[in-house]
């Protein structure tokens, strides 16, 4: 078998994970940990938004848009199979 290839049995397991569904619908959960961590770093540790953005390898605009501004989606719900997350 060439490097990077998987056995048929492994491929079946990957497909099963990709198509697995919860037995009943789950409501998205609001994000709580990330906003609280950001608040603590800004308020208690006195970091600036540009400093936190740099630490997270984000531009200040990305940091503001994705982590500070009102969320447009639930950031703790991530699709492992979608390019958009």
N, C-alpha and C. Protein backbone atom coordinates (compact mmCIF):
# COMPACT_ATOMS: atom_id res chain seq x y z
N UNK A 1 0.85 -1.17 0.00
CA UNK A 1 0.00 0.00 0.00
C UNK A 1 0.90 1.24 0.00
N UNK A 2 0.55 2.21 -0.81
CA UNK A 2 1.33 3.44 -0.90
C UNK A 2 1.09 4.31 0.32
N UNK A 3 2.09 5.13 0.60
CA UNK A 3 1.96 6.06 1.73
C UNK A 3 0.76 6.97 1.52
N UNK A 4 0.01 7.21 2.58
CA UNK A 4 -1.14 8.10 2.50
C UNK A 4 -2.44 7.40 2.15
N UNK A 5 -2.37 6.13 1.77
CA UNK A 5 -3.59 5.38 1.45
C UNK A 5 -4.09 4.68 2.70
N UNK A 6 -5.40 4.44 2.74
CA UNK A 6 -5.98 3.73 3.88
C UNK A 6 -6.68 2.48 3.38
N UNK A 7 -6.81 1.53 4.27
CA UNK A 7 -7.49 0.28 3.95
C UNK A 7 -8.98 0.52 3.78
N UNK A 8 -9.67 -0.37 3.09
CA UNK A 8 -11.11 -0.25 2.90
C UNK A 8 -11.85 -0.17 4.24
N UNK A 9 -11.39 -0.96 5.21
CA UNK A 9 -12.04 -0.95 6.54
C UNK A 9 -11.91 0.43 7.19
N UNK A 10 -10.74 1.06 7.07
CA UNK A 10 -10.56 2.40 7.63
C UNK A 10 -11.41 3.41 6.89
N UNK A 11 -11.52 3.26 5.58
CA UNK A 11 -12.34 4.18 4.79
C UNK A 11 -13.80 4.09 5.22
N UNK A 12 -14.26 2.89 5.51
CA UNK A 12 -15.63 2.71 5.98
C UNK A 12 -15.86 3.40 7.32
N UNK A 13 -14.87 3.33 8.20
CA UNK A 13 -14.98 3.98 9.50
C UNK A 13 -15.03 5.50 9.34
N UNK A 14 -14.23 6.04 8.45
CA UNK A 14 -14.22 7.48 8.20
C UNK A 14 -15.57 7.90 7.64
N UNK A 15 -16.11 7.15 6.70
CA UNK A 15 -17.41 7.47 6.12
C UNK A 15 -18.50 7.42 7.19
N UNK A 16 -18.44 6.44 8.07
CA UNK A 16 -19.43 6.33 9.14
C UNK A 16 -19.38 7.55 10.05
N UNK A 17 -18.19 8.03 10.37
CA UNK A 17 -18.08 9.23 11.20
C UNK A 17 -18.63 10.44 10.49
N UNK A 18 -18.37 10.52 9.20
CA UNK A 18 -18.82 11.68 8.43
C UNK A 18 -20.34 11.74 8.31
N UNK A 19 -20.98 10.60 8.26
CA UNK A 19 -22.43 10.57 8.06
C UNK A 19 -23.20 10.32 9.35
N UNK A 20 -22.50 10.22 10.48
CA UNK A 20 -23.17 9.96 11.75
C UNK A 20 -24.07 11.13 12.12
N UNK A 21 -25.19 10.83 12.70
CA UNK A 21 -26.15 11.84 13.15
C UNK A 21 -26.51 11.58 14.60
N UNK A 22 -26.85 12.63 15.30
CA UNK A 22 -27.33 12.47 16.67
C UNK A 22 -28.69 11.79 16.62
N UNK A 23 -29.06 11.05 17.66
CA UNK A 23 -30.35 10.36 17.65
C UNK A 23 -31.54 11.32 17.71
N UNK A 24 -31.30 12.54 18.13
CA UNK A 24 -32.35 13.57 18.16
C UNK A 24 -31.66 14.92 17.95
N UNK A 25 -32.40 15.92 17.49
CA UNK A 25 -31.77 17.21 17.22
C UNK A 25 -31.21 17.86 18.48
N UNK A 26 -30.05 18.45 18.35
CA UNK A 26 -29.44 19.17 19.46
C UNK A 26 -29.44 20.66 19.13
N UNK A 27 -29.86 21.46 20.09
CA UNK A 27 -29.84 22.91 19.89
C UNK A 27 -28.40 23.39 20.00
N UNK A 28 -28.01 24.35 19.17
CA UNK A 28 -26.66 24.90 19.30
C UNK A 28 -26.47 25.54 20.67
N UNK A 29 -25.27 25.41 21.19
CA UNK A 29 -24.97 25.99 22.50
C UNK A 29 -24.29 27.33 22.32
N UNK A 30 -24.69 28.32 23.10
CA UNK A 30 -24.02 29.62 22.99
C UNK A 30 -22.58 29.52 23.51
N UNK A 31 -21.71 30.28 22.90
CA UNK A 31 -20.33 30.31 23.32
C UNK A 31 -20.22 31.06 24.64
N UNK A 32 -19.52 30.50 25.59
CA UNK A 32 -19.32 31.19 26.86
C UNK A 32 -17.85 31.27 27.25
N UNK A 33 -17.08 30.26 26.98
CA UNK A 33 -15.69 30.22 27.44
C UNK A 33 -14.82 31.23 26.69
N UNK A 34 -14.94 31.30 25.38
CA UNK A 34 -14.07 32.20 24.61
C UNK A 34 -14.31 33.66 24.97
N UNK A 35 -15.57 34.14 24.98
CA UNK A 35 -15.76 35.55 25.38
C UNK A 35 -15.27 35.84 26.80
N UNK A 36 -15.45 34.90 27.71
CA UNK A 36 -14.99 35.11 29.08
C UNK A 36 -13.47 35.14 29.14
N UNK A 37 -12.80 34.28 28.41
CA UNK A 37 -11.33 34.28 28.38
C UNK A 37 -10.81 35.60 27.81
N UNK A 38 -11.46 36.09 26.75
CA UNK A 38 -11.05 37.36 26.16
C UNK A 38 -11.28 38.50 27.17
N UNK A 39 -12.43 38.48 27.84
CA UNK A 39 -12.72 39.52 28.83
C UNK A 39 -11.66 39.55 29.93
N UNK A 40 -11.29 38.38 30.43
CA UNK A 40 -10.29 38.29 31.49
C UNK A 40 -8.95 38.85 31.02
N UNK A 41 -8.54 38.47 29.81
CA UNK A 41 -7.26 38.96 29.30
C UNK A 41 -7.28 40.48 29.08
N UNK A 42 -8.40 41.00 28.63
CA UNK A 42 -8.49 42.44 28.40
C UNK A 42 -8.63 43.21 29.71
N UNK A 43 -9.54 42.78 30.58
CA UNK A 43 -9.88 43.54 31.78
C UNK A 43 -8.92 43.30 32.95
N UNK A 44 -8.60 42.05 33.20
CA UNK A 44 -7.82 41.72 34.39
C UNK A 44 -6.32 41.68 34.12
N UNK A 45 -5.93 41.19 32.94
CA UNK A 45 -4.51 41.10 32.62
C UNK A 45 -4.02 42.31 31.83
N UNK A 46 -4.95 43.18 31.47
CA UNK A 46 -4.64 44.46 30.81
C UNK A 46 -3.96 44.32 29.44
N UNK A 47 -4.26 43.23 28.72
CA UNK A 47 -3.81 43.12 27.34
C UNK A 47 -4.65 44.07 26.48
N UNK A 48 -4.09 44.49 25.38
CA UNK A 48 -4.86 45.26 24.41
C UNK A 48 -5.39 44.30 23.35
N UNK A 49 -6.41 44.74 22.61
CA UNK A 49 -6.93 43.89 21.54
C UNK A 49 -5.85 43.58 20.50
N UNK A 50 -5.02 44.55 20.08
CA UNK A 50 -3.96 44.21 19.12
C UNK A 50 -2.96 43.19 19.68
N UNK A 51 -2.66 43.25 20.98
CA UNK A 51 -1.75 42.27 21.58
C UNK A 51 -2.35 40.87 21.55
N UNK A 52 -3.63 40.76 21.90
CA UNK A 52 -4.29 39.44 21.85
C UNK A 52 -4.40 38.93 20.42
N UNK A 53 -4.70 39.82 19.49
CA UNK A 53 -4.78 39.41 18.08
C UNK A 53 -3.44 38.83 17.63
N UNK A 54 -2.36 39.51 17.98
CA UNK A 54 -1.02 39.04 17.59
C UNK A 54 -0.72 37.68 18.22
N UNK A 55 -1.09 37.50 19.49
CA UNK A 55 -0.85 36.23 20.18
C UNK A 55 -1.62 35.08 19.52
N UNK A 56 -2.76 35.40 18.93
CA UNK A 56 -3.59 34.39 18.27
C UNK A 56 -3.32 34.30 16.78
N UNK A 57 -2.31 35.03 16.32
CA UNK A 57 -1.94 35.04 14.90
C UNK A 57 -3.09 35.52 14.03
N UNK A 58 -3.80 36.55 14.52
CA UNK A 58 -4.89 37.17 13.79
C UNK A 58 -4.54 38.63 13.54
N UNK A 59 -5.12 39.19 12.51
CA UNK A 59 -5.02 40.63 12.35
C UNK A 59 -5.97 41.28 13.36
N UNK A 60 -5.77 42.53 13.71
CA UNK A 60 -6.72 43.18 14.62
C UNK A 60 -8.15 43.16 14.08
N UNK A 61 -8.32 43.31 12.76
CA UNK A 61 -9.66 43.24 12.17
C UNK A 61 -10.28 41.86 12.34
N UNK A 62 -9.49 40.80 12.12
CA UNK A 62 -9.99 39.44 12.29
C UNK A 62 -10.37 39.19 13.75
N UNK A 63 -9.52 39.64 14.66
CA UNK A 63 -9.80 39.47 16.09
C UNK A 63 -11.11 40.15 16.46
N UNK A 64 -11.28 41.39 16.01
CA UNK A 64 -12.50 42.13 16.32
C UNK A 64 -13.72 41.46 15.69
N UNK A 65 -13.61 41.09 14.43
CA UNK A 65 -14.73 40.50 13.71
C UNK A 65 -15.13 39.14 14.29
N UNK A 66 -14.13 38.29 14.55
CA UNK A 66 -14.42 36.90 14.91
C UNK A 66 -14.56 36.65 16.41
N UNK A 67 -13.95 37.50 17.24
CA UNK A 67 -13.92 37.19 18.66
C UNK A 67 -14.51 38.27 19.56
N UNK A 68 -14.59 39.50 19.09
CA UNK A 68 -15.08 40.58 19.95
C UNK A 68 -16.48 41.02 19.54
N UNK A 69 -16.70 41.20 18.25
CA UNK A 69 -18.01 41.65 17.77
C UNK A 69 -19.07 40.60 18.08
N UNK A 70 -20.31 41.01 18.05
CA UNK A 70 -21.41 40.08 18.30
C UNK A 70 -21.30 38.89 17.36
N UNK A 71 -21.31 37.68 17.89
CA UNK A 71 -21.15 36.50 17.04
C UNK A 71 -22.32 36.32 16.09
N UNK A 72 -22.00 35.90 14.88
CA UNK A 72 -23.03 35.64 13.87
C UNK A 72 -23.36 34.16 13.78
N UNK A 73 -22.55 33.36 14.46
CA UNK A 73 -22.79 31.93 14.50
C UNK A 73 -22.26 31.40 15.82
N UNK A 74 -22.58 30.19 16.14
CA UNK A 74 -22.08 29.60 17.37
C UNK A 74 -20.68 29.10 17.10
N UNK A 75 -19.69 29.71 17.73
CA UNK A 75 -18.31 29.36 17.44
C UNK A 75 -17.88 28.06 18.10
N UNK A 76 -18.68 27.50 19.00
CA UNK A 76 -18.30 26.23 19.59
C UNK A 76 -18.93 25.05 18.85
N UNK A 77 -19.63 25.32 17.75
CA UNK A 77 -20.18 24.28 16.91
C UNK A 77 -19.43 24.32 15.60
N UNK A 78 -18.63 23.30 15.35
CA UNK A 78 -17.74 23.31 14.20
C UNK A 78 -18.00 22.09 13.34
N UNK A 79 -18.11 22.29 12.05
CA UNK A 79 -18.23 21.17 11.12
C UNK A 79 -16.82 20.72 10.75
N UNK A 80 -16.57 19.45 10.90
CA UNK A 80 -15.28 18.91 10.54
C UNK A 80 -15.17 18.64 9.04
N UNK A 81 -16.30 18.76 8.33
CA UNK A 81 -16.32 18.38 6.93
C UNK A 81 -16.70 19.52 5.99
N UNK A 82 -16.84 20.70 6.51
CA UNK A 82 -17.21 21.85 5.71
C UNK A 82 -16.07 22.84 5.67
N UNK A 83 -15.83 23.42 4.52
CA UNK A 83 -14.76 24.42 4.39
C UNK A 83 -15.10 25.66 5.20
N UNK A 84 -16.37 25.93 5.45
CA UNK A 84 -16.78 27.13 6.18
C UNK A 84 -16.79 26.96 7.69
N UNK A 85 -16.72 25.72 8.18
CA UNK A 85 -16.75 25.50 9.64
C UNK A 85 -18.11 25.70 10.13
